Protein backbone atom coordinates (compact mmCIF):
# COMPACT_ATOMS: atom_id res chain seq x y z
CA MET A 1 -78.80 -10.69 25.64
CA ARG A 2 -76.83 -9.62 22.70
CA LEU A 3 -73.66 -7.56 22.18
CA GLU A 4 -74.06 -5.05 19.56
CA ALA A 5 -71.05 -2.90 18.66
CA ASP A 6 -70.25 -0.37 15.98
CA LEU A 7 -66.50 0.55 16.78
CA ARG A 8 -65.10 3.59 15.14
CA LEU A 9 -61.87 4.99 16.35
CA VAL A 10 -58.69 6.81 14.91
CA ARG A 11 -55.33 6.61 16.63
CA ASP A 12 -52.52 8.40 14.71
CA ARG A 13 -52.58 6.69 11.33
CA PHE A 14 -54.72 3.69 12.34
CA ARG A 15 -58.42 3.72 11.70
CA LEU A 16 -60.76 1.08 13.16
CA ASP A 17 -64.17 0.64 11.64
CA VAL A 18 -65.50 -2.74 13.00
CA ARG A 19 -69.22 -3.85 13.31
CA LEU A 20 -69.66 -6.81 15.64
CA GLU A 21 -72.57 -8.68 16.99
CA VAL A 22 -72.34 -11.61 19.50
CA GLY A 23 -75.23 -13.54 20.76
CA ALA A 24 -75.85 -15.08 24.23
CA ALA A 25 -73.73 -18.24 24.71
CA GLU A 26 -71.97 -17.47 21.39
CA VAL A 27 -68.08 -17.67 21.18
CA VAL A 28 -66.80 -15.29 18.41
CA VAL A 29 -63.13 -15.71 17.58
CA MET A 30 -61.22 -12.71 16.02
CA LEU A 31 -58.30 -13.64 13.75
CA GLY A 32 -56.02 -11.21 11.89
CA PRO A 33 -52.44 -10.27 11.23
CA ASN A 34 -50.39 -8.25 13.74
CA GLY A 35 -51.57 -4.55 13.78
CA ALA A 36 -55.08 -5.46 12.41
CA GLY A 37 -56.94 -3.96 15.43
CA LYS A 38 -57.92 -7.14 17.08
CA SER A 39 -56.77 -6.01 20.60
CA THR A 40 -58.10 -2.43 19.98
CA VAL A 41 -61.42 -4.03 19.40
CA LEU A 42 -61.23 -5.77 22.93
CA SER A 43 -60.13 -2.54 24.56
CA CYS A 44 -63.09 -0.56 23.15
CA LEU A 45 -65.47 -3.33 24.33
CA ALA A 46 -63.76 -3.44 27.77
CA GLY A 47 -64.01 0.35 28.10
CA LEU A 48 -60.27 0.89 28.19
CA LEU A 49 -60.72 2.99 24.86
CA ALA A 50 -63.47 5.50 24.21
CA LEU A 51 -64.92 5.53 20.80
CA ASP A 52 -64.86 8.54 18.44
CA ALA A 53 -68.05 7.46 16.96
CA GLY A 54 -70.43 4.48 16.87
CA HIS A 55 -71.71 2.60 19.89
CA VAL A 56 -71.29 -0.42 22.33
CA ARG A 57 -74.75 -2.05 23.52
CA LEU A 58 -74.83 -5.09 25.78
CA GLY A 59 -78.46 -6.11 26.01
CA ASP A 60 -80.32 -2.93 26.95
CA ASP A 61 -77.42 -1.13 28.35
CA VAL A 62 -75.47 1.45 26.33
CA HIS A 63 -71.84 1.27 27.34
CA ASP A 64 -70.45 3.78 24.94
CA ASP A 65 -72.22 6.30 22.47
CA PRO A 66 -70.25 9.51 21.72
CA SER A 67 -73.22 11.00 19.93
CA ALA A 68 -75.31 10.64 23.18
CA GLY A 69 -72.52 11.68 25.54
CA VAL A 70 -72.56 8.13 27.15
CA PHE A 71 -69.47 6.42 28.43
CA VAL A 72 -69.53 3.72 31.15
CA PRO A 73 -66.12 3.13 32.71
CA PRO A 74 -64.57 -0.35 32.65
CA GLN A 75 -65.40 -1.29 36.29
CA ALA A 76 -69.10 -0.59 35.85
CA ARG A 77 -69.50 -2.65 32.66
CA GLY A 78 -69.76 -6.11 34.06
CA VAL A 79 -67.25 -7.39 31.63
CA GLY A 80 -64.71 -10.09 32.40
CA VAL A 81 -61.35 -9.93 30.73
CA VAL A 82 -58.58 -12.49 30.42
CA PHE A 83 -55.23 -10.98 29.23
CA GLN A 84 -52.42 -12.81 27.28
CA ASP A 85 -50.12 -12.81 30.29
CA TYR A 86 -53.07 -13.35 32.64
CA LEU A 87 -52.03 -10.47 34.81
CA LEU A 88 -52.55 -12.23 38.23
CA PHE A 89 -51.72 -10.44 41.21
CA PRO A 90 -48.24 -11.99 42.29
CA HIS A 91 -48.67 -11.20 45.88
CA LEU A 92 -52.09 -12.97 46.16
CA THR A 93 -52.76 -16.67 46.32
CA ALA A 94 -54.92 -18.25 43.57
CA SER A 95 -57.87 -18.20 45.83
CA GLU A 96 -57.34 -14.46 46.63
CA ASN A 97 -57.01 -13.63 42.96
CA VAL A 98 -60.41 -15.23 42.19
CA ALA A 99 -61.91 -13.54 45.27
CA PHE A 100 -60.68 -10.18 44.10
CA GLY A 101 -63.04 -10.19 41.18
CA LEU A 102 -65.89 -11.19 43.33
CA ARG A 103 -65.18 -8.45 45.97
CA CYS A 104 -65.04 -5.88 43.10
CA ALA A 105 -68.50 -7.03 42.06
CA GLY A 106 -69.71 -6.34 45.63
CA ARG A 107 -69.49 -9.73 47.46
CA SER A 108 -68.59 -9.87 51.22
CA ARG A 109 -65.20 -11.12 52.02
CA ARG A 110 -66.48 -14.43 53.47
CA GLU A 111 -68.88 -14.85 50.44
CA ALA A 112 -66.12 -14.09 48.08
CA ARG A 113 -63.71 -16.55 49.62
CA ARG A 114 -66.29 -19.37 49.64
CA GLU A 115 -67.22 -18.68 45.87
CA ALA A 116 -63.61 -18.47 45.00
CA GLY A 117 -63.03 -22.00 46.49
CA GLY A 118 -65.90 -23.26 44.43
CA TRP A 119 -64.58 -21.82 41.21
CA LEU A 120 -61.14 -23.29 41.74
CA GLU A 121 -62.75 -26.62 42.31
CA ARG A 122 -64.61 -26.33 39.03
CA MET A 123 -61.38 -25.66 37.22
CA GLY A 124 -59.75 -28.58 38.78
CA LEU A 125 -57.45 -26.37 41.06
CA GLY A 126 -59.19 -27.11 44.24
CA ASP A 127 -55.80 -28.04 46.01
CA LEU A 128 -53.93 -24.93 44.68
CA GLY A 129 -55.96 -22.32 46.39
CA SER A 130 -53.19 -21.15 48.62
CA ALA A 131 -50.46 -21.22 45.91
CA ARG A 132 -49.14 -17.95 44.58
CA PRO A 133 -48.95 -17.40 40.68
CA GLY A 134 -45.25 -17.93 40.61
CA ALA A 135 -45.73 -21.49 41.81
CA LEU A 136 -48.39 -22.33 38.97
CA SER A 137 -47.75 -23.75 35.54
CA GLY A 138 -49.07 -21.67 32.65
CA GLY A 139 -52.14 -23.90 32.17
CA GLN A 140 -52.89 -23.49 35.98
CA ALA A 141 -52.42 -19.64 35.78
CA GLN A 142 -54.67 -19.54 32.73
CA ARG A 143 -57.47 -21.38 34.60
CA VAL A 144 -57.03 -19.07 37.69
CA ALA A 145 -57.31 -15.95 35.35
CA LEU A 146 -60.46 -17.44 33.64
CA ALA A 147 -62.00 -18.35 37.05
CA ARG A 148 -61.29 -14.69 38.22
CA ALA A 149 -62.98 -13.41 35.05
CA LEU A 150 -66.02 -15.75 35.13
CA ALA A 151 -66.70 -15.74 38.82
CA PRO A 152 -68.64 -12.38 39.03
CA SER A 153 -71.05 -13.75 36.22
CA PRO A 154 -70.04 -11.15 33.56
CA ARG A 155 -72.45 -10.88 30.71
CA LEU A 156 -69.44 -10.34 28.33
CA LEU A 157 -66.05 -12.38 28.46
CA LEU A 158 -63.17 -10.90 26.54
CA LEU A 159 -59.99 -13.11 26.14
CA ASP A 160 -56.82 -11.76 24.46
CA GLU A 161 -54.64 -14.46 23.21
CA PRO A 162 -55.50 -16.74 26.31
CA LEU A 163 -53.27 -19.67 25.10
CA ALA A 164 -50.30 -17.78 23.64
CA ALA A 165 -48.19 -18.04 26.88
CA LEU A 166 -48.51 -21.78 27.04
CA ASP A 167 -46.04 -24.44 25.63
CA VAL A 168 -47.01 -26.76 22.92
CA GLY A 169 -47.62 -29.70 25.16
CA ALA A 170 -50.08 -27.84 27.56
CA ARG A 171 -51.73 -25.75 24.78
CA ALA A 172 -53.88 -28.63 23.48
CA LEU A 173 -55.07 -29.87 26.96
CA VAL A 174 -55.85 -26.18 28.05
CA ARG A 175 -57.63 -25.41 24.73
CA ALA A 176 -59.93 -28.46 25.40
CA GLU A 177 -60.60 -27.28 28.89
CA LEU A 178 -61.34 -23.81 27.82
CA ARG A 179 -63.80 -25.00 25.20
CA ARG A 180 -65.59 -26.94 27.89
CA HIS A 181 -65.85 -23.86 30.20
CA LEU A 182 -66.92 -21.61 27.36
CA ARG A 183 -69.76 -24.05 26.62
CA ASP A 184 -71.15 -23.62 30.12
CA PHE A 185 -70.89 -19.81 29.74
CA ALA A 186 -74.27 -17.98 29.17
CA GLY A 187 -72.82 -14.70 28.22
CA CYS A 188 -71.23 -13.29 25.09
CA THR A 189 -67.62 -14.19 24.40
CA VAL A 190 -65.01 -12.59 22.16
CA LEU A 191 -61.75 -14.26 21.80
CA VAL A 192 -58.63 -12.90 19.97
CA THR A 193 -56.02 -15.33 18.62
CA HIS A 194 -53.36 -15.79 15.90
CA ASP A 195 -53.67 -19.46 15.95
CA PRO A 196 -56.26 -20.97 13.31
CA LEU A 197 -56.46 -24.10 15.42
CA ASP A 198 -57.77 -22.05 18.33
CA ALA A 199 -60.33 -20.69 16.02
CA MET A 200 -61.44 -24.03 14.71
CA VAL A 201 -61.88 -25.69 18.07
CA LEU A 202 -63.24 -22.78 20.24
CA ALA A 203 -65.30 -20.57 17.82
CA ASP A 204 -68.97 -20.72 16.92
CA ARG A 205 -68.30 -17.93 14.48
CA VAL A 206 -65.03 -16.56 13.12
CA VAL A 207 -64.39 -12.76 12.43
CA VAL A 208 -61.32 -11.89 10.29
CA VAL A 209 -60.16 -8.39 10.83
CA GLU A 210 -57.39 -6.80 8.50
CA ASP A 211 -56.35 -3.10 8.52
CA GLY A 212 -59.00 -2.29 11.11
CA ARG A 213 -61.95 -3.76 9.13
CA VAL A 214 -63.94 -6.99 8.90
CA VAL A 215 -62.87 -8.81 5.80
CA GLN A 216 -64.62 -12.13 6.41
CA THR A 217 -67.10 -13.72 8.80
CA GLY A 218 -68.76 -17.14 9.15
CA PRO A 219 -68.58 -20.52 10.83
CA PRO A 220 -64.99 -21.77 11.19
CA ALA A 221 -65.24 -24.58 8.53
CA GLU A 222 -66.91 -22.11 5.96
CA VAL A 223 -64.03 -19.61 6.45
CA ALA A 224 -61.35 -22.41 6.11
CA ARG A 225 -63.04 -23.75 3.12
CA ALA A 226 -63.56 -20.48 1.35
CA PRO A 227 -60.96 -17.76 2.43
CA ARG A 228 -61.51 -14.37 1.11
CA THR A 229 -58.09 -12.88 1.53
CA ALA A 230 -54.50 -14.07 1.18
CA TYR A 231 -54.02 -13.83 4.88
CA VAL A 232 -56.79 -16.37 5.63
CA ALA A 233 -55.65 -18.60 2.82
CA ASP A 234 -52.10 -18.72 4.08
CA LEU A 235 -53.38 -19.19 7.70
CA VAL A 236 -55.37 -22.38 6.64
CA GLY A 237 -52.74 -23.43 4.08
CA LEU A 238 -54.50 -22.83 0.82
CA ASN A 239 -53.52 -21.38 -2.47
CA LEU A 240 -55.79 -18.40 -3.32
CA TYR A 241 -56.03 -16.29 -6.45
CA ARG A 242 -58.40 -13.52 -7.70
CA GLY A 243 -59.47 -13.37 -11.28
CA ARG A 244 -62.11 -12.99 -13.88
CA ALA A 245 -63.78 -16.29 -15.12
CA ARG A 246 -65.28 -16.90 -18.57
CA ASP A 247 -66.48 -20.30 -19.74
CA GLY A 248 -64.40 -22.01 -16.93
CA ARG A 249 -61.15 -20.14 -17.72
CA VAL A 250 -60.03 -17.62 -15.13
CA ALA A 251 -57.62 -14.80 -16.14
CA LEU A 252 -55.77 -14.16 -12.90
CA ASP A 253 -55.22 -10.69 -11.45
CA GLY A 254 -51.51 -11.33 -10.89
CA GLY A 255 -50.85 -12.99 -14.26
CA GLY A 256 -51.35 -16.45 -15.65
CA GLU A 257 -54.63 -18.51 -16.12
CA LEU A 258 -56.40 -21.43 -14.47
CA GLN A 259 -59.36 -23.50 -15.47
CA SER A 260 -61.93 -24.52 -12.77
CA SER A 261 -64.83 -26.77 -13.10
CA GLY A 262 -68.05 -24.74 -12.55
CA ALA A 263 -66.52 -21.44 -12.05
CA PRO A 264 -69.17 -18.69 -12.64
CA ASP A 265 -68.42 -15.95 -15.09
CA GLY A 266 -67.28 -12.77 -13.74
CA PRO A 267 -64.94 -11.91 -10.71
CA VAL A 268 -64.04 -15.01 -8.74
CA LEU A 269 -61.84 -16.38 -5.88
CA LEU A 270 -59.96 -19.65 -6.68
CA THR A 271 -58.61 -21.94 -4.00
CA PHE A 272 -56.92 -25.19 -3.81
CA PRO A 273 -54.86 -26.97 -1.13
CA PRO A 274 -51.02 -27.53 -1.83
CA SER A 275 -51.54 -31.26 -1.61
CA ALA A 276 -53.65 -30.92 -4.96
CA VAL A 277 -50.50 -29.67 -6.65
CA SER A 278 -48.06 -32.00 -8.36
CA LEU A 279 -44.60 -31.08 -9.59
CA HIS A 280 -42.74 -32.49 -12.57
CA ARG A 281 -39.21 -31.89 -14.17
CA SER A 282 -40.80 -31.58 -17.52
CA ARG A 283 -44.36 -30.46 -18.83
CA PRO A 284 -46.76 -33.35 -17.67
CA GLU A 285 -48.95 -35.30 -19.71
CA GLY A 286 -52.25 -36.55 -18.34
CA SER A 287 -55.72 -35.30 -17.13
CA ALA A 288 -54.64 -32.17 -15.51
CA ARG A 289 -55.84 -29.23 -17.40
CA ASN A 290 -53.71 -26.76 -15.49
CA ALA A 291 -49.98 -26.96 -15.94
CA TRP A 292 -47.49 -24.13 -15.84
CA PRO A 293 -43.71 -23.74 -15.40
CA GLY A 294 -41.73 -22.00 -12.62
CA ARG A 295 -38.70 -22.07 -10.50
CA ILE A 296 -38.51 -23.41 -6.97
CA SER A 297 -38.03 -20.47 -4.50
CA GLY A 298 -38.11 -22.35 -1.20
CA ILE A 299 -38.32 -25.87 0.26
CA GLU A 300 -39.56 -26.45 3.92
CA HIS A 301 -40.43 -29.67 5.78
CA HIS A 302 -44.01 -29.56 7.11
CA GLY A 303 -44.44 -32.73 9.32
CA VAL A 304 -44.55 -35.81 7.05
CA SER A 305 -44.69 -33.60 3.81
CA VAL A 306 -42.50 -31.05 2.28
CA ARG A 307 -43.91 -27.57 1.36
CA VAL A 308 -42.41 -26.36 -1.91
CA ALA A 309 -42.84 -22.83 -2.98
CA VAL A 310 -42.71 -22.12 -6.77
CA ASP A 311 -42.06 -18.67 -8.29
CA ALA A 312 -44.35 -18.74 -11.28
CA ARG A 313 -47.42 -17.12 -12.98
CA PRO A 314 -49.36 -17.87 -10.87
CA PRO A 315 -46.96 -18.57 -7.81
CA VAL A 316 -47.93 -21.76 -6.04
CA LEU A 317 -47.44 -23.81 -3.04
CA ALA A 318 -47.20 -27.71 -3.24
CA ASP A 319 -46.98 -30.19 -0.72
CA VAL A 320 -45.00 -33.29 -1.84
CA THR A 321 -43.54 -36.45 -0.10
CA THR A 322 -39.91 -36.67 0.87
CA ALA A 323 -39.56 -39.55 -1.73
CA ALA A 324 -40.92 -37.19 -4.45
CA VAL A 325 -38.22 -34.60 -3.37
CA ALA A 326 -35.51 -37.21 -3.74
CA GLU A 327 -36.85 -38.67 -7.05
CA LEU A 328 -37.19 -35.18 -8.68
CA GLY A 329 -34.01 -33.98 -7.23
CA LEU A 330 -35.96 -30.91 -6.06
CA GLU A 331 -33.79 -27.85 -4.93
CA PRO A 332 -34.06 -24.03 -4.77
CA GLY A 333 -33.64 -22.37 -8.17
CA GLN A 334 -34.65 -25.53 -10.12
CA GLN A 335 -37.09 -25.27 -12.91
CA VAL A 336 -40.25 -27.28 -12.62
CA TRP A 337 -43.72 -27.72 -13.93
CA ALA A 338 -46.70 -27.37 -11.57
CA SER A 339 -49.97 -29.08 -12.39
CA VAL A 340 -53.48 -29.31 -10.66
CA LYS A 341 -56.64 -30.85 -11.96
CA ALA A 342 -59.47 -28.19 -12.74
CA THR A 343 -61.76 -30.31 -10.45
CA GLU A 344 -59.48 -29.50 -7.49
CA VAL A 345 -59.76 -25.71 -8.11
CA HIS A 346 -62.57 -24.35 -6.17
CA ALA A 347 -64.32 -21.08 -7.41
CA ALA A 348 -66.52 -18.73 -5.56
CA PRO A 349 -67.96 -15.40 -6.72
CA ALA A 350 -65.93 -12.26 -5.54
CA GLN A 351 -66.85 -8.60 -5.60
CA GLY A 352 -65.36 -6.84 -8.62
């Protein structure tokens, strides 16, 4: 079984043009900024929005194909959905919420009640079957919603920001539990999130959507290591530049020049982590072949390090220690020099 989707839709000024394939037992995580079209993709797959053109196929079944006049309503698609706020029925118990999905799938009342109890046991909620949603923690409500979606054995599972409503303490635990449950799910899974850690932990493959189009796709580590857009670079904490290389020297599109060991001639993307950047009060001497002046535009604590934004050509983010901040007397508006070794600047071919 495989999901094959060619999603084309126009709403006001927004145009969606996304092609997506998901294999059986594969978890695809969609990342993208607000308004990129991620939730619209889920709505099209669920049947909450009809396509203007393209198709949605799940295995041998066609769910949406405007050219053939085919549109299968949501309730007939065999799709499980977990929304950001879970949308549990407040007047029903946890067991009744799970049984509701089973009843919609055609199970008898007795069978639905029995299977719902089994699913709650599997989710570690066996003693909370009689509790109503208002008495559940965020993590417990998320697991009830997931059980309700999985219980009818859907072939496609859609999750829209399933961890967003959790506090920081619960998020890590529930993320690990969710990964365990998804590993046991034989169908196709599409999960939307803004959190790069969710993507790194949960995804078999990441799809990045910006302005209604797919701009990058690949295994999580590959996307994090070689981002193709500024949004992804910022998400994973990398400096990213576009330019044209010749003999290892790269003229950057936004101004300035960097050297990169092994950069192929032609259009390239350059990346390096903020931790590879050193800051100096005067032009540095040493092995770094990239050094350029700028002015500090921002300083922000990031855990045990300090993130320093430098307005320069090119602009750059540097992670330094608190001791370095004190030693150099770093403050906004101060003139500094940034440096990074050519061996730390990673280059990849880019479309011209």
